[in-house]
N, C-alpha and C. Protein backbone atom coordinates (compact mmCIF):
# COMPACT_ATOMS: atom_id res chain seq x y z
N MET A 1 -8.14 -28.96 20.99
CA MET A 1 -8.73 -27.89 21.76
C MET A 1 -7.76 -26.72 21.78
N SER A 2 -8.26 -25.52 21.54
CA SER A 2 -7.41 -24.34 21.52
C SER A 2 -7.04 -23.93 22.94
N ASP A 3 -6.00 -23.08 23.03
CA ASP A 3 -5.59 -22.55 24.34
C ASP A 3 -6.74 -21.82 25.01
N LYS A 4 -7.50 -21.06 24.21
CA LYS A 4 -8.60 -20.27 24.76
C LYS A 4 -9.68 -21.19 25.34
N GLU A 5 -9.98 -22.28 24.63
CA GLU A 5 -11.01 -23.22 25.10
C GLU A 5 -10.56 -23.95 26.36
N SER A 6 -9.27 -24.25 26.46
CA SER A 6 -8.78 -25.01 27.60
C SER A 6 -8.50 -24.11 28.81
N GLY A 7 -8.49 -22.79 28.60
CA GLY A 7 -8.22 -21.87 29.69
C GLY A 7 -6.74 -21.72 29.98
N SER A 8 -5.88 -22.35 29.19
CA SER A 8 -4.44 -22.24 29.41
C SER A 8 -3.89 -20.96 28.76
N THR A 9 -2.65 -20.68 29.08
CA THR A 9 -1.99 -19.51 28.51
C THR A 9 -1.77 -19.76 27.02
N PRO A 10 -2.14 -18.79 26.17
CA PRO A 10 -1.94 -19.00 24.73
C PRO A 10 -0.46 -19.07 24.38
N PHE A 11 -0.14 -19.79 23.33
CA PHE A 11 1.25 -19.95 22.95
C PHE A 11 1.89 -18.60 22.59
N TYR A 12 1.08 -17.63 22.26
CA TYR A 12 1.60 -16.31 21.88
C TYR A 12 1.70 -15.35 23.06
N ALA A 13 1.64 -15.86 24.28
CA ALA A 13 1.67 -15.01 25.49
C ALA A 13 2.90 -14.10 25.51
N GLY A 14 4.00 -14.56 24.97
CA GLY A 14 5.22 -13.74 24.90
C GLY A 14 5.30 -12.89 23.66
N GLY A 15 4.23 -12.90 22.87
CA GLY A 15 4.20 -12.12 21.62
C GLY A 15 4.58 -12.96 20.42
N LEU A 16 4.32 -12.43 19.25
CA LEU A 16 4.66 -13.08 17.99
C LEU A 16 5.27 -12.05 17.05
N ARG A 17 6.20 -12.49 16.26
CA ARG A 17 6.83 -11.60 15.29
C ARG A 17 6.10 -11.69 13.95
N PHE A 18 5.81 -10.51 13.41
CA PHE A 18 5.24 -10.43 12.06
C PHE A 18 5.46 -9.03 11.51
N SER A 19 5.94 -8.98 10.30
CA SER A 19 5.98 -7.75 9.50
C SER A 19 5.73 -8.17 8.06
N CYS A 20 4.82 -7.49 7.42
CA CYS A 20 4.52 -7.82 6.03
C CYS A 20 5.73 -7.52 5.16
N THR A 21 6.15 -8.52 4.40
CA THR A 21 7.28 -8.38 3.48
C THR A 21 6.80 -8.22 2.05
N GLN A 22 5.49 -8.25 1.86
CA GLN A 22 4.86 -8.24 0.54
C GLN A 22 5.43 -9.37 -0.33
N CYS A 23 5.90 -10.41 0.32
CA CYS A 23 6.40 -11.62 -0.37
C CYS A 23 7.41 -11.26 -1.46
N GLY A 24 8.29 -10.31 -1.16
CA GLY A 24 9.29 -9.90 -2.15
C GLY A 24 8.66 -9.20 -3.33
N GLY A 25 7.54 -8.55 -3.12
CA GLY A 25 6.86 -7.83 -4.20
C GLY A 25 5.69 -8.60 -4.80
N GLU A 26 5.54 -9.87 -4.43
CA GLU A 26 4.46 -10.68 -4.98
C GLU A 26 3.13 -10.49 -4.26
N SER A 27 3.17 -10.13 -2.99
CA SER A 27 1.96 -9.97 -2.16
C SER A 27 0.99 -11.13 -2.38
N ARG A 28 1.45 -12.32 -2.08
CA ARG A 28 0.67 -13.54 -2.37
C ARG A 28 -0.68 -13.60 -1.67
N CYS A 29 -0.86 -12.91 -0.54
CA CYS A 29 -2.18 -12.97 0.11
C CYS A 29 -3.20 -12.11 -0.65
N CYS A 30 -2.74 -11.26 -1.54
CA CYS A 30 -3.63 -10.36 -2.29
C CYS A 30 -3.67 -10.68 -3.78
N ARG A 31 -2.75 -11.50 -4.25
CA ARG A 31 -2.59 -11.68 -5.69
C ARG A 31 -2.31 -13.12 -6.08
N GLY A 32 -2.74 -13.45 -7.28
CA GLY A 32 -2.31 -14.68 -7.91
C GLY A 32 -2.96 -15.97 -7.48
N ARG A 33 -3.84 -15.93 -6.50
CA ARG A 33 -4.58 -17.14 -6.13
C ARG A 33 -5.97 -16.73 -5.67
N PRO A 34 -6.93 -17.61 -5.91
CA PRO A 34 -8.31 -17.26 -5.54
C PRO A 34 -8.44 -17.07 -4.03
N GLY A 35 -9.33 -16.18 -3.65
CA GLY A 35 -9.52 -15.93 -2.24
C GLY A 35 -10.91 -15.40 -1.94
N VAL A 36 -11.19 -15.32 -0.67
CA VAL A 36 -12.46 -14.79 -0.19
C VAL A 36 -12.15 -13.75 0.87
N VAL A 37 -12.62 -12.53 0.65
CA VAL A 37 -12.49 -11.47 1.64
C VAL A 37 -13.91 -11.06 2.02
N GLN A 38 -14.36 -11.59 3.16
CA GLN A 38 -15.71 -11.31 3.63
C GLN A 38 -15.80 -9.88 4.14
N LEU A 39 -16.94 -9.25 3.89
CA LEU A 39 -17.13 -7.86 4.29
C LEU A 39 -18.23 -7.72 5.33
N GLY A 40 -17.99 -6.84 6.28
CA GLY A 40 -19.01 -6.42 7.24
C GLY A 40 -19.55 -5.06 6.79
N GLN A 41 -20.55 -4.58 7.47
CA GLN A 41 -21.17 -3.31 7.10
C GLN A 41 -20.18 -2.14 7.22
N ASP A 42 -19.37 -2.13 8.27
CA ASP A 42 -18.37 -1.06 8.41
C ASP A 42 -17.35 -1.11 7.28
N ASP A 43 -16.92 -2.32 6.91
CA ASP A 43 -16.00 -2.48 5.78
C ASP A 43 -16.60 -1.90 4.52
N LEU A 44 -17.84 -2.29 4.24
CA LEU A 44 -18.51 -1.84 3.03
C LEU A 44 -18.62 -0.32 2.99
N ALA A 45 -19.04 0.28 4.08
CA ALA A 45 -19.18 1.74 4.13
C ALA A 45 -17.84 2.43 3.91
N ARG A 46 -16.79 1.94 4.57
CA ARG A 46 -15.46 2.53 4.46
C ARG A 46 -14.91 2.39 3.03
N LEU A 47 -15.08 1.21 2.44
CA LEU A 47 -14.57 0.97 1.09
C LEU A 47 -15.33 1.80 0.05
N ALA A 48 -16.64 1.87 0.19
CA ALA A 48 -17.44 2.66 -0.74
C ALA A 48 -17.02 4.13 -0.68
N ARG A 49 -16.84 4.63 0.53
CA ARG A 49 -16.39 6.02 0.70
C ARG A 49 -15.03 6.23 0.04
N ALA A 50 -14.11 5.29 0.24
CA ALA A 50 -12.76 5.41 -0.34
C ALA A 50 -12.80 5.44 -1.86
N GLU A 51 -13.76 4.74 -2.44
CA GLU A 51 -13.90 4.70 -3.91
C GLU A 51 -14.83 5.78 -4.45
N GLY A 52 -15.46 6.55 -3.55
CA GLY A 52 -16.38 7.60 -3.99
C GLY A 52 -17.67 7.06 -4.58
N LEU A 53 -18.12 5.93 -4.05
CA LEU A 53 -19.32 5.27 -4.57
C LEU A 53 -20.34 5.09 -3.45
N THR A 54 -21.59 4.83 -3.84
CA THR A 54 -22.57 4.40 -2.86
C THR A 54 -22.25 2.94 -2.53
N GLU A 55 -22.81 2.44 -1.45
CA GLU A 55 -22.58 1.04 -1.10
C GLU A 55 -23.10 0.12 -2.19
N GLU A 56 -24.26 0.43 -2.75
CA GLU A 56 -24.84 -0.39 -3.82
C GLU A 56 -23.92 -0.41 -5.04
N GLN A 57 -23.37 0.75 -5.41
CA GLN A 57 -22.45 0.81 -6.55
C GLN A 57 -21.18 0.00 -6.26
N PHE A 58 -20.67 0.12 -5.05
CA PHE A 58 -19.46 -0.61 -4.69
C PHE A 58 -19.70 -2.12 -4.82
N ILE A 59 -20.84 -2.57 -4.33
CA ILE A 59 -21.16 -4.00 -4.43
C ILE A 59 -21.20 -4.43 -5.89
N GLN A 60 -21.84 -3.64 -6.75
CA GLN A 60 -21.95 -3.99 -8.17
C GLN A 60 -20.58 -4.09 -8.84
N VAL A 61 -19.68 -3.18 -8.52
CA VAL A 61 -18.39 -3.11 -9.20
C VAL A 61 -17.34 -4.05 -8.60
N PHE A 62 -17.30 -4.16 -7.29
CA PHE A 62 -16.17 -4.81 -6.62
C PHE A 62 -16.48 -6.10 -5.89
N CYS A 63 -17.75 -6.50 -5.82
CA CYS A 63 -18.10 -7.63 -4.95
C CYS A 63 -18.78 -8.78 -5.68
N ARG A 64 -18.90 -9.88 -4.96
CA ARG A 64 -19.65 -11.05 -5.41
C ARG A 64 -20.30 -11.67 -4.18
N TRP A 65 -21.33 -12.45 -4.42
CA TRP A 65 -22.00 -13.19 -3.34
C TRP A 65 -21.51 -14.63 -3.40
N VAL A 66 -21.05 -15.14 -2.27
CA VAL A 66 -20.47 -16.48 -2.19
C VAL A 66 -21.42 -17.38 -1.40
N PRO A 67 -21.93 -18.44 -2.03
CA PRO A 67 -22.84 -19.36 -1.32
C PRO A 67 -22.13 -20.05 -0.15
N GLU A 68 -22.86 -20.15 0.96
CA GLU A 68 -22.33 -20.86 2.14
C GLU A 68 -22.73 -22.33 2.12
N GLY A 69 -23.68 -22.69 1.28
CA GLY A 69 -24.13 -24.08 1.21
C GLY A 69 -25.22 -24.41 2.21
N ASN A 70 -25.73 -23.41 2.89
CA ASN A 70 -26.78 -23.64 3.88
C ASN A 70 -28.00 -22.77 3.63
N GLY A 71 -28.14 -22.33 2.38
CA GLY A 71 -29.26 -21.45 2.04
C GLY A 71 -28.92 -19.97 2.18
N TRP A 72 -27.71 -19.67 2.57
CA TRP A 72 -27.25 -18.30 2.74
C TRP A 72 -26.03 -18.05 1.88
N GLU A 73 -25.75 -16.79 1.62
CA GLU A 73 -24.53 -16.40 0.93
C GLU A 73 -24.00 -15.14 1.59
N PHE A 74 -22.68 -14.92 1.46
CA PHE A 74 -22.07 -13.76 2.09
C PHE A 74 -21.38 -12.90 1.04
N LEU A 75 -21.21 -11.63 1.39
CA LEU A 75 -20.60 -10.66 0.49
C LEU A 75 -19.08 -10.74 0.61
N SER A 76 -18.42 -10.79 -0.54
CA SER A 76 -16.97 -10.86 -0.59
C SER A 76 -16.46 -9.95 -1.70
N LEU A 77 -15.23 -9.47 -1.53
CA LEU A 77 -14.57 -8.82 -2.66
C LEU A 77 -14.38 -9.87 -3.74
N ARG A 78 -14.42 -9.46 -4.97
CA ARG A 78 -14.21 -10.43 -6.04
C ARG A 78 -12.75 -10.45 -6.47
N ASP A 79 -12.39 -11.49 -7.19
CA ASP A 79 -11.05 -11.62 -7.76
C ASP A 79 -11.11 -11.22 -9.23
N LEU A 80 -9.98 -10.75 -9.74
CA LEU A 80 -9.86 -10.53 -11.18
C LEU A 80 -9.59 -11.88 -11.85
N SER A 81 -9.56 -11.92 -13.16
CA SER A 81 -9.37 -13.19 -13.87
C SER A 81 -8.02 -13.83 -13.56
N ASN A 82 -7.02 -13.04 -13.16
CA ASN A 82 -5.71 -13.59 -12.79
C ASN A 82 -5.62 -13.88 -11.29
N TYR A 83 -6.76 -13.79 -10.60
CA TYR A 83 -6.90 -14.04 -9.16
C TYR A 83 -6.30 -12.96 -8.27
N ASP A 84 -5.95 -11.82 -8.84
CA ASP A 84 -5.58 -10.69 -7.99
C ASP A 84 -6.85 -10.15 -7.35
N CYS A 85 -6.71 -9.57 -6.17
CA CYS A 85 -7.84 -8.89 -5.54
C CYS A 85 -8.30 -7.76 -6.46
N VAL A 86 -9.59 -7.56 -6.53
CA VAL A 86 -10.16 -6.53 -7.38
C VAL A 86 -9.66 -5.13 -7.00
N LEU A 87 -9.17 -4.97 -5.78
CA LEU A 87 -8.68 -3.67 -5.33
C LEU A 87 -7.16 -3.53 -5.45
N TRP A 88 -6.52 -4.50 -6.10
CA TRP A 88 -5.07 -4.45 -6.28
C TRP A 88 -4.77 -3.59 -7.50
N GLY A 89 -3.87 -2.64 -7.35
CA GLY A 89 -3.46 -1.77 -8.46
C GLY A 89 -1.97 -1.89 -8.70
N LYS A 90 -1.47 -1.12 -9.64
CA LYS A 90 -0.05 -1.23 -9.97
C LYS A 90 0.87 -0.82 -8.82
N ASN A 91 0.34 -0.06 -7.86
CA ASN A 91 1.13 0.35 -6.70
C ASN A 91 0.70 -0.36 -5.42
N GLY A 92 0.01 -1.48 -5.55
CA GLY A 92 -0.43 -2.23 -4.38
C GLY A 92 -1.91 -2.04 -4.12
N CYS A 93 -2.29 -2.18 -2.88
CA CYS A 93 -3.70 -2.07 -2.50
C CYS A 93 -4.16 -0.63 -2.72
N SER A 94 -5.19 -0.48 -3.53
CA SER A 94 -5.67 0.87 -3.87
C SER A 94 -6.46 1.51 -2.74
N VAL A 95 -6.83 0.73 -1.73
CA VAL A 95 -7.61 1.25 -0.60
C VAL A 95 -6.95 0.84 0.72
N TYR A 96 -5.64 0.84 0.75
CA TYR A 96 -4.90 0.30 1.90
C TYR A 96 -5.41 0.85 3.23
N GLU A 97 -5.61 2.13 3.35
CA GLU A 97 -6.06 2.72 4.61
C GLU A 97 -7.49 2.33 4.96
N ALA A 98 -8.28 1.94 3.97
CA ALA A 98 -9.69 1.57 4.18
C ALA A 98 -9.92 0.08 4.06
N ARG A 99 -8.87 -0.70 3.96
CA ARG A 99 -9.01 -2.14 3.68
C ARG A 99 -9.87 -2.84 4.74
N PRO A 100 -10.50 -3.94 4.34
CA PRO A 100 -11.40 -4.67 5.24
C PRO A 100 -10.68 -5.21 6.49
N ALA A 101 -11.46 -5.45 7.53
CA ALA A 101 -10.93 -5.99 8.79
C ALA A 101 -10.17 -7.29 8.54
N GLN A 102 -10.66 -8.12 7.65
CA GLN A 102 -9.99 -9.39 7.36
C GLN A 102 -8.56 -9.14 6.89
N CYS A 103 -8.37 -8.13 6.07
CA CYS A 103 -7.03 -7.81 5.56
C CYS A 103 -6.18 -7.12 6.63
N ARG A 104 -6.78 -6.19 7.36
CA ARG A 104 -6.05 -5.43 8.39
C ARG A 104 -5.53 -6.31 9.52
N THR A 105 -6.26 -7.36 9.86
CA THR A 105 -5.90 -8.17 11.03
C THR A 105 -5.01 -9.37 10.72
N TYR A 106 -4.78 -9.67 9.44
CA TYR A 106 -3.92 -10.81 9.09
C TYR A 106 -2.52 -10.58 9.64
N PRO A 107 -1.87 -11.60 10.18
CA PRO A 107 -2.21 -13.01 10.31
C PRO A 107 -2.83 -13.37 11.66
N PHE A 108 -3.35 -12.40 12.36
CA PHE A 108 -3.88 -12.66 13.70
C PHE A 108 -5.35 -13.04 13.63
N TRP A 109 -5.60 -14.15 12.95
CA TRP A 109 -6.93 -14.72 12.81
C TRP A 109 -7.03 -15.90 13.78
N PRO A 110 -8.22 -16.18 14.29
CA PRO A 110 -8.36 -17.24 15.30
C PRO A 110 -7.74 -18.58 14.91
N PHE A 111 -7.97 -19.04 13.70
CA PHE A 111 -7.46 -20.36 13.34
C PHE A 111 -5.96 -20.36 13.09
N ILE A 112 -5.36 -19.19 12.89
CA ILE A 112 -3.91 -19.11 12.68
C ILE A 112 -3.17 -19.05 14.01
N VAL A 113 -3.73 -18.34 14.99
CA VAL A 113 -3.06 -18.22 16.30
C VAL A 113 -3.65 -19.18 17.33
N GLU A 114 -4.41 -20.15 16.85
CA GLU A 114 -5.01 -21.14 17.75
C GLU A 114 -3.95 -21.91 18.53
N ASP A 115 -2.87 -22.25 17.85
CA ASP A 115 -1.78 -22.96 18.50
C ASP A 115 -0.52 -22.78 17.67
N GLU A 116 0.59 -23.21 18.23
CA GLU A 116 1.88 -23.00 17.58
C GLU A 116 1.97 -23.74 16.24
N ASP A 117 1.38 -24.92 16.14
CA ASP A 117 1.41 -25.67 14.88
C ASP A 117 0.70 -24.90 13.77
N SER A 118 -0.43 -24.30 14.10
CA SER A 118 -1.18 -23.52 13.10
C SER A 118 -0.36 -22.31 12.64
N TRP A 119 0.29 -21.64 13.58
CA TRP A 119 1.13 -20.48 13.28
C TRP A 119 2.28 -20.89 12.35
N LYS A 120 2.93 -21.99 12.68
CA LYS A 120 4.05 -22.47 11.87
C LYS A 120 3.58 -22.91 10.48
N SER A 121 2.41 -23.50 10.42
CA SER A 121 1.86 -23.92 9.14
C SER A 121 1.60 -22.71 8.24
N GLU A 122 1.03 -21.66 8.81
CA GLU A 122 0.77 -20.44 8.03
C GLU A 122 2.08 -19.79 7.58
N ALA A 123 3.11 -19.91 8.39
CA ALA A 123 4.42 -19.33 8.06
C ALA A 123 5.01 -19.93 6.79
N LYS A 124 4.58 -21.13 6.43
CA LYS A 124 5.07 -21.76 5.19
C LYS A 124 4.61 -20.97 3.97
N ASP A 125 3.47 -20.28 4.08
CA ASP A 125 2.94 -19.49 2.97
C ASP A 125 3.22 -18.00 3.11
N CYS A 126 3.59 -17.56 4.31
CA CYS A 126 3.78 -16.13 4.56
C CYS A 126 5.16 -15.87 5.13
N PRO A 127 6.05 -15.29 4.31
CA PRO A 127 7.42 -15.06 4.79
C PRO A 127 7.53 -13.99 5.88
N GLY A 128 6.47 -13.22 6.13
CA GLY A 128 6.51 -12.20 7.18
C GLY A 128 6.26 -12.75 8.57
N ILE A 129 5.72 -13.96 8.64
CA ILE A 129 5.46 -14.58 9.93
C ILE A 129 6.77 -15.07 10.52
N GLY A 130 7.01 -14.67 11.76
CA GLY A 130 8.21 -15.09 12.47
C GLY A 130 9.36 -14.11 12.35
N CYS A 131 9.15 -13.00 11.66
CA CYS A 131 10.22 -12.01 11.56
C CYS A 131 9.64 -10.60 11.71
N GLY A 132 10.52 -9.67 11.94
CA GLY A 132 10.08 -8.28 12.04
C GLY A 132 9.55 -7.91 13.41
N GLU A 133 8.54 -7.05 13.41
CA GLU A 133 7.99 -6.46 14.63
C GLU A 133 7.42 -7.51 15.58
N LEU A 134 7.71 -7.34 16.86
CA LEU A 134 7.14 -8.21 17.89
C LEU A 134 5.80 -7.63 18.33
N HIS A 135 4.73 -8.40 18.16
CA HIS A 135 3.39 -7.99 18.56
C HIS A 135 3.08 -8.66 19.90
N SER A 136 2.70 -7.84 20.88
CA SER A 136 2.43 -8.35 22.22
C SER A 136 1.14 -9.16 22.26
N ARG A 137 0.98 -9.89 23.32
CA ARG A 137 -0.26 -10.65 23.53
C ARG A 137 -1.46 -9.72 23.46
N GLU A 138 -1.35 -8.55 24.06
CA GLU A 138 -2.46 -7.59 24.06
C GLU A 138 -2.79 -7.12 22.65
N GLU A 139 -1.77 -6.86 21.85
CA GLU A 139 -2.00 -6.45 20.46
C GLU A 139 -2.68 -7.57 19.67
N ILE A 140 -2.20 -8.79 19.86
CA ILE A 140 -2.77 -9.93 19.15
C ILE A 140 -4.23 -10.12 19.55
N GLU A 141 -4.53 -10.03 20.82
CA GLU A 141 -5.90 -10.22 21.27
C GLU A 141 -6.80 -9.07 20.80
N ALA A 142 -6.25 -7.87 20.67
CA ALA A 142 -7.03 -6.75 20.10
C ALA A 142 -7.34 -7.03 18.63
N GLU A 143 -6.38 -7.58 17.90
CA GLU A 143 -6.61 -7.93 16.49
C GLU A 143 -7.65 -9.04 16.36
N LEU A 144 -7.57 -10.04 17.24
CA LEU A 144 -8.56 -11.12 17.24
C LEU A 144 -9.96 -10.57 17.50
N LYS A 145 -10.06 -9.64 18.42
CA LYS A 145 -11.35 -9.02 18.73
C LYS A 145 -11.86 -8.23 17.53
N GLU A 146 -10.97 -7.48 16.88
CA GLU A 146 -11.37 -6.70 15.69
C GLU A 146 -11.82 -7.64 14.57
N TYR A 147 -11.09 -8.74 14.38
CA TYR A 147 -11.42 -9.71 13.33
C TYR A 147 -12.84 -10.24 13.52
N GLY A 148 -13.22 -10.51 14.75
CA GLY A 148 -14.53 -11.10 15.02
C GLY A 148 -15.61 -10.11 15.43
N ARG A 149 -15.26 -8.82 15.47
CA ARG A 149 -16.18 -7.81 15.99
C ARG A 149 -17.44 -7.66 15.16
N GLU A 150 -17.27 -7.59 13.88
CA GLU A 150 -18.39 -7.25 13.02
C GLU A 150 -18.96 -8.47 12.31
N GLU A 151 -20.25 -8.60 12.34
CA GLU A 151 -20.90 -9.68 11.62
C GLU A 151 -20.77 -9.42 10.12
N ARG A 152 -20.47 -10.45 9.39
CA ARG A 152 -20.32 -10.34 7.94
C ARG A 152 -21.69 -10.17 7.28
N ILE A 153 -21.70 -9.49 6.15
CA ILE A 153 -22.95 -9.25 5.42
C ILE A 153 -23.38 -10.55 4.75
N ARG A 154 -24.60 -10.95 5.05
CA ARG A 154 -25.15 -12.18 4.49
C ARG A 154 -26.56 -11.91 3.98
N ARG A 155 -26.99 -12.78 3.10
CA ARG A 155 -28.39 -12.75 2.66
C ARG A 155 -28.81 -14.17 2.34
N ARG A 156 -30.13 -14.36 2.34
CA ARG A 156 -30.66 -15.66 1.97
C ARG A 156 -30.40 -15.88 0.49
N HIS A 157 -29.88 -17.03 0.16
CA HIS A 157 -29.57 -17.36 -1.23
C HIS A 157 -30.84 -17.82 -1.94
N LYS A 158 -31.14 -17.20 -3.04
CA LYS A 158 -32.30 -17.62 -3.83
C LYS A 158 -31.84 -18.66 -4.85
N GLU A 159 -32.54 -19.76 -4.87
CA GLU A 159 -32.27 -20.79 -5.87
C GLU A 159 -32.87 -20.36 -7.20
N TRP A 160 -32.38 -20.91 -8.29
CA TRP A 160 -32.81 -20.49 -9.62
C TRP A 160 -34.31 -20.70 -9.84
N TRP A 161 -34.87 -21.67 -9.14
CA TRP A 161 -36.29 -21.96 -9.34
C TRP A 161 -37.22 -21.08 -8.50
N GLU A 162 -36.65 -20.30 -7.58
CA GLU A 162 -37.48 -19.45 -6.73
C GLU A 162 -37.86 -18.18 -7.48
N ASP A 163 -39.05 -17.71 -7.22
CA ASP A 163 -39.53 -16.48 -7.86
C ASP A 163 -38.73 -15.28 -7.39
N GLU A 164 -38.52 -14.34 -8.30
CA GLU A 164 -37.94 -13.06 -7.93
C GLU A 164 -38.99 -12.24 -7.24
N GLU A 165 -38.59 -11.48 -6.23
CA GLU A 165 -39.55 -10.63 -5.53
C GLU A 165 -39.46 -9.22 -6.04
């Protein structure tokens, strides 16, 4: 049971340290391994604007639909063949100021700050966790709210045998 569910004080009540180190230039959360970056409508609009495209064009060029396994699928940024984010360029994130909420709020995601064990587990993959800037409880809770604020874009998944409309 999480701190929030139990009504107790969250383990991060005194704040948590995090500053992105870009993994010594590797930026492992953005590059080199497959990932899913779910998009909400605000994300899509902001990213399309940043790229000078319509939302439909942005989806065609930069996105994929990921099946949820329940008859639905959600919109995600796609990966390149080397598993870099499709928006990763030679100088880093090409849309850094417009990046999706999922990217902006990392590592303050519900399952990461659920408890101290989860935070420490994530720190094994992210060298920025536990060092750098101290983020207050209020900042963390604002990030959690932002992370969950917008519903992700979903659509009903059509099976191959279903007629096209």
